[in-house]
Full PDB file with SEQRES, HELIX, SHEET, SSBOND, CRYST1, ORIGX, SCALE, CONECT and MASTER records, all heavy atoms in Angstrom:
SEQRES   1 A   40  PRO LEU SER GLY ARG LYS ASN ILE PHE SER HIS PRO VAL          
SEQRES   2 A   40  PHE ARG ALA ALA ALA VAL ILE LEU LEU LEU LEU ALA SER          
SEQRES   3 A   40  SER TRP VAL LEU LEU PHE TYR ARG TYR ASP PRO ASP ARG          
SEQRES   4 A   40  ILE                                                          
HELIX    1 AA1 LEU A    2  PHE A    9  1                                   8    
HELIX    2 AA2 PRO A   12  ARG A   34  1                                  23    
CRYST1    1.000    1.000    1.000  90.00  90.00  90.00 P 1           1          
ORIGX1      1.000000  0.000000  0.000000        0.00000                         
ORIGX2      0.000000  1.000000  0.000000        0.00000                         
ORIGX3      0.000000  0.000000  1.000000        0.00000                         
SCALE1      1.000000  0.000000  0.000000        0.00000                         
SCALE2      0.000000  1.000000  0.000000        0.00000                         
SCALE3      0.000000  0.000000  1.000000        0.00000                         
ATOM      1  N   PRO A   1    -102.898  60.792  81.948  1.00  0.00           N  
ATOM      2  CA  PRO A   1    -102.919  60.119  83.262  1.00  0.00           C  
ATOM      3  C   PRO A   1    -104.038  60.639  84.140  1.00  0.00           C  
ATOM      4  O   PRO A   1    -104.464  61.783  84.017  1.00  0.00           O  
ATOM      5  CB  PRO A   1    -101.543  60.475  83.846  1.00  0.00           C  
ATOM      6  CG  PRO A   1    -100.686  60.794  82.659  1.00  0.00           C  
ATOM      7  CD  PRO A   1    -101.600  61.406  81.652  1.00  0.00           C  
ATOM      8  N   LEU A   2    -104.504  59.752  85.040  1.00  0.00           N  
ATOM      9  CA  LEU A   2    -105.589  60.114  85.948  1.00  0.00           C  
ATOM     10  C   LEU A   2    -105.226  61.333  86.780  1.00  0.00           C  
ATOM     11  O   LEU A   2    -106.075  62.172  87.065  1.00  0.00           O  
ATOM     12  CB  LEU A   2    -105.914  58.931  86.864  1.00  0.00           C  
ATOM     13  CG  LEU A   2    -107.071  59.112  87.831  1.00  0.00           C  
ATOM     14  CD1 LEU A   2    -108.362  59.392  87.065  1.00  0.00           C  
ATOM     15  CD2 LEU A   2    -107.230  57.887  88.714  1.00  0.00           C  
ATOM     16  N   SER A   3    -103.938  61.443  87.153  1.00  0.00           N  
ATOM     17  CA  SER A   3    -103.527  62.590  87.960  1.00  0.00           C  
ATOM     18  C   SER A   3    -103.739  63.890  87.215  1.00  0.00           C  
ATOM     19  O   SER A   3    -104.059  64.923  87.793  1.00  0.00           O  
ATOM     20  CB  SER A   3    -102.053  62.450  88.363  1.00  0.00           C  
ATOM     21  OG  SER A   3    -101.239  62.372  87.191  1.00  0.00           O  
ATOM     22  N   GLY A   4    -103.576  63.827  85.866  1.00  0.00           N  
ATOM     23  CA  GLY A   4    -103.820  65.023  85.061  1.00  0.00           C  
ATOM     24  C   GLY A   4    -105.270  65.398  85.053  1.00  0.00           C  
ATOM     25  O   GLY A   4    -105.639  66.568  85.080  1.00  0.00           O  
ATOM     26  N   ARG A   5    -106.139  64.393  85.037  1.00  0.00           N  
ATOM     27  CA  ARG A   5    -107.570  64.658  85.068  1.00  0.00           C  
ATOM     28  C   ARG A   5    -107.991  65.282  86.390  1.00  0.00           C  
ATOM     29  O   ARG A   5    -108.864  66.121  86.450  1.00  0.00           O  
ATOM     30  CB  ARG A   5    -108.344  63.361  84.847  1.00  0.00           C  
ATOM     31  CG  ARG A   5    -108.147  62.768  83.452  1.00  0.00           C  
ATOM     32  CD  ARG A   5    -108.896  61.463  83.317  1.00  0.00           C  
ATOM     33  NE  ARG A   5    -108.605  60.841  82.037  1.00  0.00           N  
ATOM     34  CZ  ARG A   5    -109.027  59.634  81.705  1.00  0.00           C  
ATOM     35  NH1 ARG A   5    -109.734  58.913  82.564  1.00  0.00           N  
ATOM     36  NH2 ARG A   5    -108.743  59.132  80.525  1.00  0.00           N  
ATOM     37  N   LYS A   6    -107.344  64.856  87.441  1.00  0.00           N  
ATOM     38  CA  LYS A   6    -107.678  65.415  88.744  1.00  0.00           C  
ATOM     39  C   LYS A   6    -107.456  66.913  88.778  1.00  0.00           C  
ATOM     40  O   LYS A   6    -108.165  67.649  89.462  1.00  0.00           O  
ATOM     41  CB  LYS A   6    -106.845  64.743  89.834  1.00  0.00           C  
ATOM     42  CG  LYS A   6    -107.276  63.309  90.155  1.00  0.00           C  
ATOM     43  CD  LYS A   6    -106.442  62.751  91.277  1.00  0.00           C  
ATOM     44  CE  LYS A   6    -106.884  61.330  91.608  1.00  0.00           C  
ATOM     45  NZ  LYS A   6    -106.063  60.748  92.686  1.00  0.00           N  
ATOM     46  N   ASN A   7    -106.481  67.354  88.004  1.00  0.00           N  
ATOM     47  CA  ASN A   7    -106.224  68.795  87.972  1.00  0.00           C  
ATOM     48  C   ASN A   7    -107.419  69.562  87.440  1.00  0.00           C  
ATOM     49  O   ASN A   7    -107.679  70.685  87.846  1.00  0.00           O  
ATOM     50  CB  ASN A   7    -104.986  69.096  87.117  1.00  0.00           C  
ATOM     51  CG  ASN A   7    -103.704  68.623  87.790  1.00  0.00           C  
ATOM     52  OD1 ASN A   7    -103.670  68.537  89.017  1.00  0.00           O  
ATOM     53  ND2 ASN A   7    -102.689  68.313  87.001  1.00  0.00           N  
ATOM     54  N   ILE A   8    -108.139  68.945  86.499  1.00  0.00           N  
ATOM     55  CA  ILE A   8    -109.324  69.606  85.947  1.00  0.00           C  
ATOM     56  C   ILE A   8    -110.376  69.795  87.037  1.00  0.00           C  
ATOM     57  O   ILE A   8    -110.951  70.863  87.198  1.00  0.00           O  
ATOM     58  CB  ILE A   8    -109.919  68.774  84.783  1.00  0.00           C  
ATOM     59  CG1 ILE A   8    -108.901  68.683  83.638  1.00  0.00           C  
ATOM     60  CG2 ILE A   8    -111.226  69.392  84.282  1.00  0.00           C  
ATOM     61  CD1 ILE A   8    -109.346  67.790  82.503  1.00  0.00           C  
ATOM     62  N   PHE A   9    -110.621  68.728  87.833  1.00  0.00           N  
ATOM     63  CA  PHE A   9    -111.671  68.798  88.833  1.00  0.00           C  
ATOM     64  C   PHE A   9    -111.265  69.579  90.078  1.00  0.00           C  
ATOM     65  O   PHE A   9    -112.102  69.868  90.919  1.00  0.00           O  
ATOM     66  CB  PHE A   9    -112.125  67.382  89.212  1.00  0.00           C  
ATOM     67  CG  PHE A   9    -112.827  66.686  88.099  1.00  0.00           C  
ATOM     68  CD1 PHE A   9    -112.147  65.764  87.310  1.00  0.00           C  
ATOM     69  CD2 PHE A   9    -114.149  66.971  87.800  1.00  0.00           C  
ATOM     70  CE1 PHE A   9    -112.797  65.143  86.262  1.00  0.00           C  
ATOM     71  CE2 PHE A   9    -114.798  66.349  86.751  1.00  0.00           C  
ATOM     72  CZ  PHE A   9    -114.117  65.430  85.971  1.00  0.00           C  
ATOM     73  N   SER A  10    -109.962  69.891  90.159  1.00  0.00           N  
ATOM     74  CA  SER A  10    -109.532  70.759  91.247  1.00  0.00           C  
ATOM     75  C   SER A  10    -109.543  72.221  90.818  1.00  0.00           C  
ATOM     76  O   SER A  10    -109.171  73.103  91.586  1.00  0.00           O  
ATOM     77  CB  SER A  10    -108.121  70.368  91.713  1.00  0.00           C  
ATOM     78  OG  SER A  10    -107.179  70.590  90.672  1.00  0.00           O  
ATOM     79  N   HIS A  11    -109.999  72.443  89.580  1.00  0.00           N  
ATOM     80  CA  HIS A  11    -110.071  73.813  89.052  1.00  0.00           C  
ATOM     81  C   HIS A  11    -111.024  74.649  89.911  1.00  0.00           C  
ATOM     82  O   HIS A  11    -112.039  74.142  90.399  1.00  0.00           O  
ATOM     83  CB  HIS A  11    -110.572  73.766  87.606  1.00  0.00           C  
ATOM     84  CG  HIS A  11    -110.425  75.058  86.884  1.00  0.00           C  
ATOM     85  ND1 HIS A  11    -111.340  76.058  86.975  1.00  0.00           N  
ATOM     86  CD2 HIS A  11    -109.438  75.503  86.075  1.00  0.00           C  
ATOM     87  CE1 HIS A  11    -110.952  77.081  86.238  1.00  0.00           C  
ATOM     88  NE2 HIS A  11    -109.796  76.766  85.676  1.00  0.00           N  
ATOM     89  N   PRO A  12    -110.727  75.911  90.119  1.00  0.00           N  
ATOM     90  CA  PRO A  12    -111.585  76.773  90.954  1.00  0.00           C  
ATOM     91  C   PRO A  12    -113.044  76.798  90.529  1.00  0.00           C  
ATOM     92  O   PRO A  12    -113.930  76.958  91.359  1.00  0.00           O  
ATOM     93  CB  PRO A  12    -110.938  78.149  90.799  1.00  0.00           C  
ATOM     94  CG  PRO A  12    -109.499  77.846  90.529  1.00  0.00           C  
ATOM     95  CD  PRO A  12    -109.487  76.599  89.696  1.00  0.00           C  
ATOM     96  N   VAL A  13    -113.302  76.632  89.227  1.00  0.00           N  
ATOM     97  CA  VAL A  13    -114.698  76.631  88.751  1.00  0.00           C  
ATOM     98  C   VAL A  13    -115.475  75.504  89.404  1.00  0.00           C  
ATOM     99  O   VAL A  13    -116.589  75.685  89.884  1.00  0.00           O  
ATOM    100  CB  VAL A  13    -114.749  76.504  87.215  1.00  0.00           C  
ATOM    101  CG1 VAL A  13    -116.191  76.326  86.746  1.00  0.00           C  
ATOM    102  CG2 VAL A  13    -114.119  77.708  86.555  1.00  0.00           C  
ATOM    103  N   PHE A  14    -114.870  74.322  89.411  1.00  0.00           N  
ATOM    104  CA  PHE A  14    -115.541  73.166  90.003  1.00  0.00           C  
ATOM    105  C   PHE A  14    -115.683  73.336  91.509  1.00  0.00           C  
ATOM    106  O   PHE A  14    -116.694  72.972  92.103  1.00  0.00           O  
ATOM    107  CB  PHE A  14    -114.771  71.886  89.679  1.00  0.00           C  
ATOM    108  CG  PHE A  14    -114.804  71.509  88.228  1.00  0.00           C  
ATOM    109  CD1 PHE A  14    -113.722  71.768  87.404  1.00  0.00           C  
ATOM    110  CD2 PHE A  14    -115.927  70.902  87.682  1.00  0.00           C  
ATOM    111  CE1 PHE A  14    -113.757  71.435  86.066  1.00  0.00           C  
ATOM    112  CE2 PHE A  14    -115.970  70.560  86.338  1.00  0.00           C  
ATOM    113  CZ  PHE A  14    -114.881  70.832  85.515  1.00  0.00           C  
ATOM    114  N   ARG A  15    -114.653  73.870  92.144  1.00  0.00           N  
ATOM    115  CA  ARG A  15    -114.721  74.074  93.588  1.00  0.00           C  
ATOM    116  C   ARG A  15    -115.825  75.083  93.945  1.00  0.00           C  
ATOM    117  O   ARG A  15    -116.564  74.907  94.908  1.00  0.00           O  
ATOM    118  CB  ARG A  15    -113.361  74.552  94.118  1.00  0.00           C  
ATOM    119  CG  ARG A  15    -112.271  73.493  94.028  1.00  0.00           C  
ATOM    120  CD  ARG A  15    -111.142  73.795  95.015  1.00  0.00           C  
ATOM    121  NE  ARG A  15    -110.511  75.063  94.739  1.00  0.00           N  
ATOM    122  CZ  ARG A  15    -109.459  75.225  93.932  1.00  0.00           C  
ATOM    123  NH1 ARG A  15    -108.947  74.167  93.312  1.00  0.00           N  
ATOM    124  NH2 ARG A  15    -108.926  76.416  93.752  1.00  0.00           N  
ATOM    125  N   ALA A  16    -115.912  76.149  93.153  1.00  0.00           N  
ATOM    126  CA  ALA A  16    -116.956  77.153  93.402  1.00  0.00           C  
ATOM    127  C   ALA A  16    -118.342  76.554  93.242  1.00  0.00           C  
ATOM    128  O   ALA A  16    -119.246  76.787  94.046  1.00  0.00           O  
ATOM    129  CB  ALA A  16    -116.775  78.337  92.462  1.00  0.00           C  
ATOM    130  N   ALA A  17    -118.499  75.740  92.173  1.00  0.00           N  
ATOM    131  CA  ALA A  17    -119.799  75.122  91.922  1.00  0.00           C  
ATOM    132  C   ALA A  17    -120.183  74.187  93.067  1.00  0.00           C  
ATOM    133  O   ALA A  17    -121.336  74.147  93.499  1.00  0.00           O  
ATOM    134  CB  ALA A  17    -119.768  74.354  90.600  1.00  0.00           C  
ATOM    135  N   ALA A  18    -119.188  73.437  93.583  1.00  0.00           N  
ATOM    136  CA  ALA A  18    -119.467  72.514  94.687  1.00  0.00           C  
ATOM    137  C   ALA A  18    -119.902  73.256  95.933  1.00  0.00           C  
ATOM    138  O   ALA A  18    -120.839  72.850  96.625  1.00  0.00           O  
ATOM    139  CB  ALA A  18    -118.222  71.677  94.978  1.00  0.00           C  
ATOM    140  N   VAL A  19    -119.233  74.378  96.219  1.00  0.00           N  
ATOM    141  CA  VAL A  19    -119.593  75.176  97.393  1.00  0.00           C  
ATOM    142  C   VAL A  19    -120.998  75.725  97.255  1.00  0.00           C  
ATOM    143  O   VAL A  19    -121.807  75.685  98.189  1.00  0.00           O  
ATOM    144  CB  VAL A  19    -118.582  76.318  97.602  1.00  0.00           C  
ATOM    145  CG1 VAL A  19    -119.083  77.276  98.675  1.00  0.00           C  
ATOM    146  CG2 VAL A  19    -117.225  75.757  97.990  1.00  0.00           C  
ATOM    147  N   ILE A  20    -121.317  76.242  96.063  1.00  0.00           N  
ATOM    148  CA  ILE A  20    -122.639  76.833  95.829  1.00  0.00           C  
ATOM    149  C   ILE A  20    -123.728  75.773  95.964  1.00  0.00           C  
ATOM    150  O   ILE A  20    -124.762  75.988  96.596  1.00  0.00           O  
ATOM    151  CB  ILE A  20    -122.696  77.491  94.443  1.00  0.00           C  
ATOM    152  CG1 ILE A  20    -121.784  78.725  94.421  1.00  0.00           C  
ATOM    153  CG2 ILE A  20    -124.127  77.896  94.083  1.00  0.00           C  
ATOM    154  CD1 ILE A  20    -121.564  79.294  93.043  1.00  0.00           C  
ATOM    155  N   LEU A  21    -123.494  74.587  95.379  1.00  0.00           N  
ATOM    156  CA  LEU A  21    -124.486  73.515  95.472  1.00  0.00           C  
ATOM    157  C   LEU A  21    -124.689  73.082  96.918  1.00  0.00           C  
ATOM    158  O   LEU A  21    -125.813  72.800  97.339  1.00  0.00           O  
ATOM    159  CB  LEU A  21    -124.042  72.314  94.624  1.00  0.00           C  
ATOM    160  CG  LEU A  21    -124.164  72.487  93.105  1.00  0.00           C  
ATOM    161  CD1 LEU A  21    -123.545  71.301  92.387  1.00  0.00           C  
ATOM    162  CD2 LEU A  21    -125.625  72.659  92.695  1.00  0.00           C  
ATOM    163  N   LEU A  22    -123.591  73.033  97.682  1.00  0.00           N  
ATOM    164  CA  LEU A  22    -123.703  72.650  99.087  1.00  0.00           C  
ATOM    165  C   LEU A  22    -124.514  73.669  99.871  1.00  0.00           C  
ATOM    166  O   LEU A  22    -125.375  73.314 100.688  1.00  0.00           O  
ATOM    167  CB  LEU A  22    -122.309  72.520  99.701  1.00  0.00           C  
ATOM    168  CG  LEU A  22    -122.255  72.119 101.180  1.00  0.00           C  
ATOM    169  CD1 LEU A  22    -122.915  70.754 101.385  1.00  0.00           C  
ATOM    170  CD2 LEU A  22    -120.823  72.087 101.667  1.00  0.00           C  
ATOM    171  N   LEU A  23    -124.277  74.955  99.599  1.00  0.00           N  
ATOM    172  CA  LEU A  23    -125.027  76.004 100.284  1.00  0.00           C  
ATOM    173  C   LEU A  23    -126.510  75.930  99.938  1.00  0.00           C  
ATOM    174  O   LEU A  23    -127.372  76.071 100.801  1.00  0.00           O  
ATOM    175  CB  LEU A  23    -124.467  77.381  99.906  1.00  0.00           C  
ATOM    176  CG  LEU A  23    -123.107  77.741 100.511  1.00  0.00           C  
ATOM    177  CD1 LEU A  23    -122.576  79.011  99.874  1.00  0.00           C  
ATOM    178  CD2 LEU A  23    -123.208  77.909 102.018  1.00  0.00           C  
ATOM    179  N   LEU A  24    -126.799  75.706  98.656  1.00  0.00           N  
ATOM    180  CA  LEU A  24    -128.207  75.633  98.233  1.00  0.00           C  
ATOM    181  C   LEU A  24    -128.901  74.424  98.843  1.00  0.00           C  
ATOM    182  O   LEU A  24    -130.048  74.508  99.282  1.00  0.00           O  
ATOM    183  CB  LEU A  24    -128.289  75.586  96.704  1.00  0.00           C  
ATOM    184  CG  LEU A  24    -127.908  76.877  95.976  1.00  0.00           C  
ATOM    185  CD1 LEU A  24    -127.882  76.654  94.471  1.00  0.00           C  
ATOM    186  CD2 LEU A  24    -128.869  78.009  96.331  1.00  0.00           C  
ATOM    187  N   ALA A  25    -128.194  73.292  98.868  1.00  0.00           N  
ATOM    188  CA  ALA A  25    -128.788  72.082  99.457  1.00  0.00           C  
ATOM    189  C   ALA A  25    -129.073  72.286 100.936  1.00  0.00           C  
ATOM    190  O   ALA A  25    -130.138  71.911 101.432  1.00  0.00           O  
ATOM    191  CB  ALA A  25    -127.851  70.894  99.257  1.00  0.00           C  
ATOM    192  N   SER A  26    -128.141  72.902 101.636  1.00  0.00           N  
ATOM    193  CA  SER A  26    -128.338  73.168 103.069  1.00  0.00           C  
ATOM    194  C   SER A  26    -129.521  74.101 103.286  1.00  0.00           C  
ATOM    195  O   SER A  26    -130.298  73.934 104.223  1.00  0.00           O  
ATOM    196  CB  SER A  26    -127.071  73.801 103.661  1.00  0.00           C  
ATOM    197  OG  SER A  26    -125.990  72.913 103.537  1.00  0.00           O  
ATOM    198  N   SER A  27    -129.658  75.076 102.384  1.00  0.00           N  
ATOM    199  CA  SER A  27    -130.769  76.018 102.497  1.00  0.00           C  
ATOM    200  C   SER A  27    -132.106  75.323 102.342  1.00  0.00           C  
ATOM    201  O   SER A  27    -133.052  75.576 103.082  1.00  0.00           O  
ATOM    202  CB  SER A  27    -130.626  77.116 101.434  1.00  0.00           C  
ATOM    203  OG  SER A  27    -131.734  77.977 101.456  1.00  0.00           O  
ATOM    204  N   TRP A  28    -132.193  74.389 101.379  1.00  0.00           N  
ATOM    205  CA  TRP A  28    -133.457  73.693 101.158  1.00  0.00           C  
ATOM    206  C   TRP A  28    -133.787  72.758 102.310  1.00  0.00           C  
ATOM    207  O   TRP A  28    -134.942  72.630 102.713  1.00  0.00           O  
ATOM    208  CB  TRP A  28    -133.398  72.912  99.836  1.00  0.00           C  
ATOM    209  CG  TRP A  28    -133.731  73.773  98.674  1.00  0.00           C  
ATOM    210  CD1 TRP A  28    -132.879  74.263  97.742  1.00  0.00           C  
ATOM    211  CD2 TRP A  28    -135.015  74.295  98.337  1.00  0.00           C  
ATOM    212  NE1 TRP A  28    -133.550  75.059  96.847  1.00  0.00           N  
ATOM    213  CE2 TRP A  28    -134.853  75.088  97.179  1.00  0.00           C  
ATOM    214  CE3 TRP A  28    -136.282  74.178  98.905  1.00  0.00           C  
ATOM    215  CZ2 TRP A  28    -135.915  75.745  96.579  1.00  0.00           C  
ATOM    216  CZ3 TRP A  28    -137.348  74.827  98.305  1.00  0.00           C  
ATOM    217  CH2 TRP A  28    -137.155  75.598  97.158  1.00  0.00           C  
ATOM    218  N   VAL A  29    -132.769  72.092 102.863  1.00  0.00           N  
ATOM    219  CA  VAL A  29    -133.013  71.228 104.018  1.00  0.00           C  
ATOM    220  C   VAL A  29    -133.569  72.044 105.175  1.00  0.00           C  
ATOM    221  O   VAL A  29    -134.531  71.653 105.838  1.00  0.00           O  
ATOM    222  CB  VAL A  29    -131.709  70.507 104.445  1.00  0.00           C  
ATOM    223  CG1 VAL A  29    -131.899  69.824 105.801  1.00  0.00           C  
ATOM    224  CG2 VAL A  29    -131.308  69.480 103.398  1.00  0.00           C  
ATOM    225  N   LEU A  30    -132.970  73.205 105.417  1.00  0.00           N  
ATOM    226  CA  LEU A  30    -133.444  74.086 106.485  1.00  0.00           C  
ATOM    227  C   LEU A  30    -134.867  74.554 106.210  1.00  0.00           C  
ATOM    228  O   LEU A  30    -135.706  74.610 107.114  1.00  0.00           O  
ATOM    229  CB  LEU A  30    -132.505  75.292 106.607  1.00  0.00           C  
ATOM    230  CG  LEU A  30    -132.926  76.362 107.620  1.00  0.00           C  
ATOM    231  CD1 LEU A  30    -132.927  75.784 109.034  1.00  0.00           C  
ATOM    232  CD2 LEU A  30    -131.979  77.560 107.547  1.00  0.00           C  
ATOM    233  N   LEU A  31    -135.155  74.877 104.954  1.00  0.00           N  
ATOM    234  CA  LEU A  31    -136.491  75.359 104.587  1.00  0.00           C  
ATOM    235  C   LEU A  31    -137.553  74.300 104.854  1.00  0.00           C  
ATOM    236  O   LEU A  31    -138.583  74.574 105.463  1.00  0.00           O  
ATOM    237  CB  LEU A  31    -136.505  75.756 103.104  1.00  0.00           C  
ATOM    238  CG  LEU A  31    -137.817  76.323 102.555  1.00  0.00           C  
ATOM    239  CD1 LEU A  31    -138.154  77.652 103.221  1.00  0.00           C  
ATOM    240  CD2 LEU A  31    -137.738  76.488 101.048  1.00  0.00           C  
ATOM    241  N   PHE A  32    -137.299  73.067 104.412  1.00  0.00           N  
ATOM    242  CA  PHE A  32    -138.281  71.998 104.603  1.00  0.00           C  
ATOM    243  C   PHE A  32    -138.436  71.644 106.071  1.00  0.00           C  
ATOM    244  O   PHE A  32    -139.529  71.313 106.519  1.00  0.00           O  
ATOM    245  CB  PHE A  32    -137.879  70.756 103.796  1.00  0.00           C  
ATOM    246  CG  PHE A  32    -137.972  70.958 102.313  1.00  0.00           C  
ATOM    247  CD1 PHE A  32    -136.970  70.504 101.469  1.00  0.00           C  
ATOM    248  CD2 PHE A  32    -139.048  71.623 101.756  1.00  0.00           C  
ATOM    249  CE1 PHE A  32    -137.056  70.697 100.098  1.00  0.00           C  
ATOM    250  CE2 PHE A  32    -139.134  71.828 100.390  1.00  0.00           C  
ATOM    251  CZ  PHE A  32    -138.134  71.355  99.556  1.00  0.00           C  
ATOM    252  N   TYR A  33    -137.347  71.719 106.835  1.00  0.00           N  
ATOM    253  CA  TYR A  33    -137.439  71.434 108.265  1.00  0.00           C  
ATOM    254  C   TYR A  33    -138.255  72.512 108.972  1.00  0.00           C  
ATOM    255  O   TYR A  33    -139.135  72.209 109.782  1.00  0.00           O  
ATOM    256  CB  TYR A  33    -136.037  71.371 108.872  1.00  0.00           C  
ATOM    257  CG  TYR A  33    -136.038  71.254 110.382  1.00  0.00           C  
ATOM    258  CD1 TYR A  33    -136.338  70.049 111.002  1.00  0.00           C  
ATOM    259  CD2 TYR A  33    -135.755  72.363 111.184  1.00  0.00           C  
ATOM    260  CE1 TYR A  33    -136.348  69.942 112.382  1.00  0.00           C  
ATOM    261  CE2 TYR A  33    -135.763  72.260 112.564  1.00  0.00           C  
ATOM    262  CZ  TYR A  33    -136.064  71.049 113.147  1.00  0.00           C  
ATOM    263  OH  TYR A  33    -136.083  70.956 114.510  1.00  0.00           O  
ATOM    264  N   ARG A  34    -137.964  73.770 108.654  1.00  0.00           N  
ATOM    265  CA  ARG A  34    -138.640  74.870 109.324  1.00  0.00           C  
ATOM    266  C   ARG A  34    -140.136  74.872 109.033  1.00  0.00           C  
ATOM    267  O   ARG A  34    -140.945  75.215 109.896  1.00  0.00           O  
ATOM    268  CB  ARG A  34    -138.022  76.204 108.892  1.00  0.00           C  
ATOM    269  CG  ARG A  34    -138.695  77.426 109.500  1.00  0.00           C  
ATOM    270  CD  ARG A  34    -137.964  78.693 109.102  1.00  0.00           C  
ATOM    271  NE  ARG A  34    -138.688  79.886 109.482  1.00  0.00           N  
ATOM    272  CZ  ARG A  34    -138.689  80.423 110.689  1.00  0.00           C  
ATOM    273  NH1 ARG A  34    -137.983  79.851 111.639  1.00  0.00           N  
ATOM    274  NH2 ARG A  34    -139.368  81.515 110.956  1.00  0.00           N  
ATOM    275  N   TYR A  35    -140.514  74.486 107.822  1.00  0.00           N  
ATOM    276  CA  TYR A  35    -141.921  74.547 107.437  1.00  0.00           C  
ATOM    277  C   TYR A  35    -142.577  73.171 107.364  1.00  0.00           C  
ATOM    278  O   TYR A  35    -143.442  72.934 106.527  1.00  0.00           O  
ATOM    279  CB  TYR A  35    -142.056  75.294 106.105  1.00  0.00           C  
ATOM    280  CG  TYR A  35    -141.756  76.763 106.275  1.00  0.00           C  
ATOM    281  CD1 TYR A  35    -140.508  77.279 105.968  1.00  0.00           C  
ATOM    282  CD2 TYR A  35    -142.712  77.624 106.798  1.00  0.00           C  
ATOM    283  CE1 TYR A  35    -140.217  78.623 106.160  1.00  0.00           C  
ATOM    284  CE2 TYR A  35    -142.433  78.969 106.992  1.00  0.00           C  
ATOM    285  CZ  TYR A  35    -141.179  79.452 106.665  1.00  0.00           C  
ATOM    286  OH  TYR A  35    -140.900  80.780 106.872  1.00  0.00           O  
ATOM    287  N   ASP A  36    -142.176  72.284 108.257  1.00  0.00           N  
ATOM    288  CA  ASP A  36    -142.841  70.992 108.385  1.00  0.00           C  
ATOM    289  C   ASP A  36    -144.027  71.166 109.336  1.00  0.00           C  
ATOM    290  O   ASP A  36    -143.833  71.506 110.513  1.00  0.00           O  
ATOM    291  CB  ASP A  36    -141.879  69.956 108.941  1.00  0.00           C  
ATOM    292  CG  ASP A  36    -142.576  68.637 109.220  1.00  0.00           C  
ATOM    293  OD1 ASP A  36    -143.136  68.062 108.288  1.00  0.00           O  
ATOM    294  OD2 ASP A  36    -142.586  68.207 110.386  1.00  0.00           O  
ATOM    295  N   PRO A  37    -145.268  70.958 108.871  1.00  0.00           N  
ATOM    296  CA  PRO A  37    -146.452  71.213 109.711  1.00  0.00           C  
ATOM    297  C   PRO A  37    -146.452  70.437 111.020  1.00  0.00           C  
ATOM    298  O   PRO A  37    -146.773  70.988 112.077  1.00  0.00           O  
ATOM    299  CB  PRO A  37    -147.620  70.791 108.811  1.00  0.00           C  
ATOM    300  CG  PRO A  37    -147.095  70.905 107.426  1.00  0.00           C  
ATOM    301  CD  PRO A  37    -145.644  70.527 107.522  1.00  0.00           C  
ATOM    302  N   ASP A  38    -146.111  69.152 110.962  1.00  0.00           N  
ATOM    303  CA  ASP A  38    -146.142  68.341 112.179  1.00  0.00           C  
ATOM    304  C   ASP A  38    -145.121  68.854 113.194  1.00  0.00           C  
ATOM    305  O   ASP A  38    -145.404  68.904 114.397  1.00  0.00           O  
ATOM    306  CB  ASP A  38    -145.860  66.877 111.831  1.00  0.00           C  
ATOM    307  CG  ASP A  38    -145.946  65.981 113.054  1.00  0.00           C  
ATOM    308  OD1 ASP A  38    -147.064  65.795 113.575  1.00  0.00           O  
ATOM    309  OD2 ASP A  38    -144.902  65.477 113.505  1.00  0.00           O  
ATOM    310  N   ARG A  39    -143.941  69.240 112.727  1.00  0.00           N  
ATOM    311  CA  ARG A  39    -142.925  69.750 113.642  1.00  0.00           C  
ATOM    312  C   ARG A  39    -143.385  71.052 114.292  1.00  0.00           C  
ATOM    313  O   ARG A  39    -143.212  71.258 115.499  1.00  0.00           O  
ATOM    314  CB  ARG A  39    -141.607  69.999 112.890  1.00  0.00           C  
ATOM    315  CG  ARG A  39    -140.475  70.466 113.804  1.00  0.00           C  
ATOM    316  CD  ARG A  39    -139.304  70.988 112.999  1.00  0.00           C  
ATOM    317  NE  ARG A  39    -139.677  72.183 112.259  1.00  0.00           N  
ATOM    318  CZ  ARG A  39    -139.738  73.401 112.780  1.00  0.00           C  
ATOM    319  NH1 ARG A  39    -139.494  73.589 114.070  1.00  0.00           N  
ATOM    320  NH2 ARG A  39    -140.065  74.437 112.049  1.00  0.00           N  
ATOM    321  N   ILE A  40    -143.990  71.939 113.496  1.00  0.00           N  
ATOM    322  CA  ILE A  40    -144.459  73.221 114.032  1.00  0.00           C  
ATOM    323  C   ILE A  40    -145.523  72.983 115.103  1.00  0.00           C  
ATOM    324  O   ILE A  40    -145.497  73.585 116.178  1.00  0.00           O  
ATOM    325  CB  ILE A  40    -145.019  74.100 112.898  1.00  0.00           C  
ATOM    326  CG1 ILE A  40    -143.878  74.522 111.961  1.00  0.00           C  
ATOM    327  CG2 ILE A  40    -145.725  75.335 113.458  1.00  0.00           C  
ATOM    328  CD1 ILE A  40    -144.356  75.222 110.711  1.00  0.00           C  
TER     329      ILE A  40                                                      
MASTER        0    0    0    2    0    0    0    6  328    1    0    4          
END                                                                             
């Protein structure tokens, strides 16, 4: 059942990976914003 599959994606491994990817994405957005020549 689909509900059983959801248990897999609620596994801590997936949650940790999602958090890490979100942090990395936020970091890159900040990096590109901070070092935009026109903005500076």
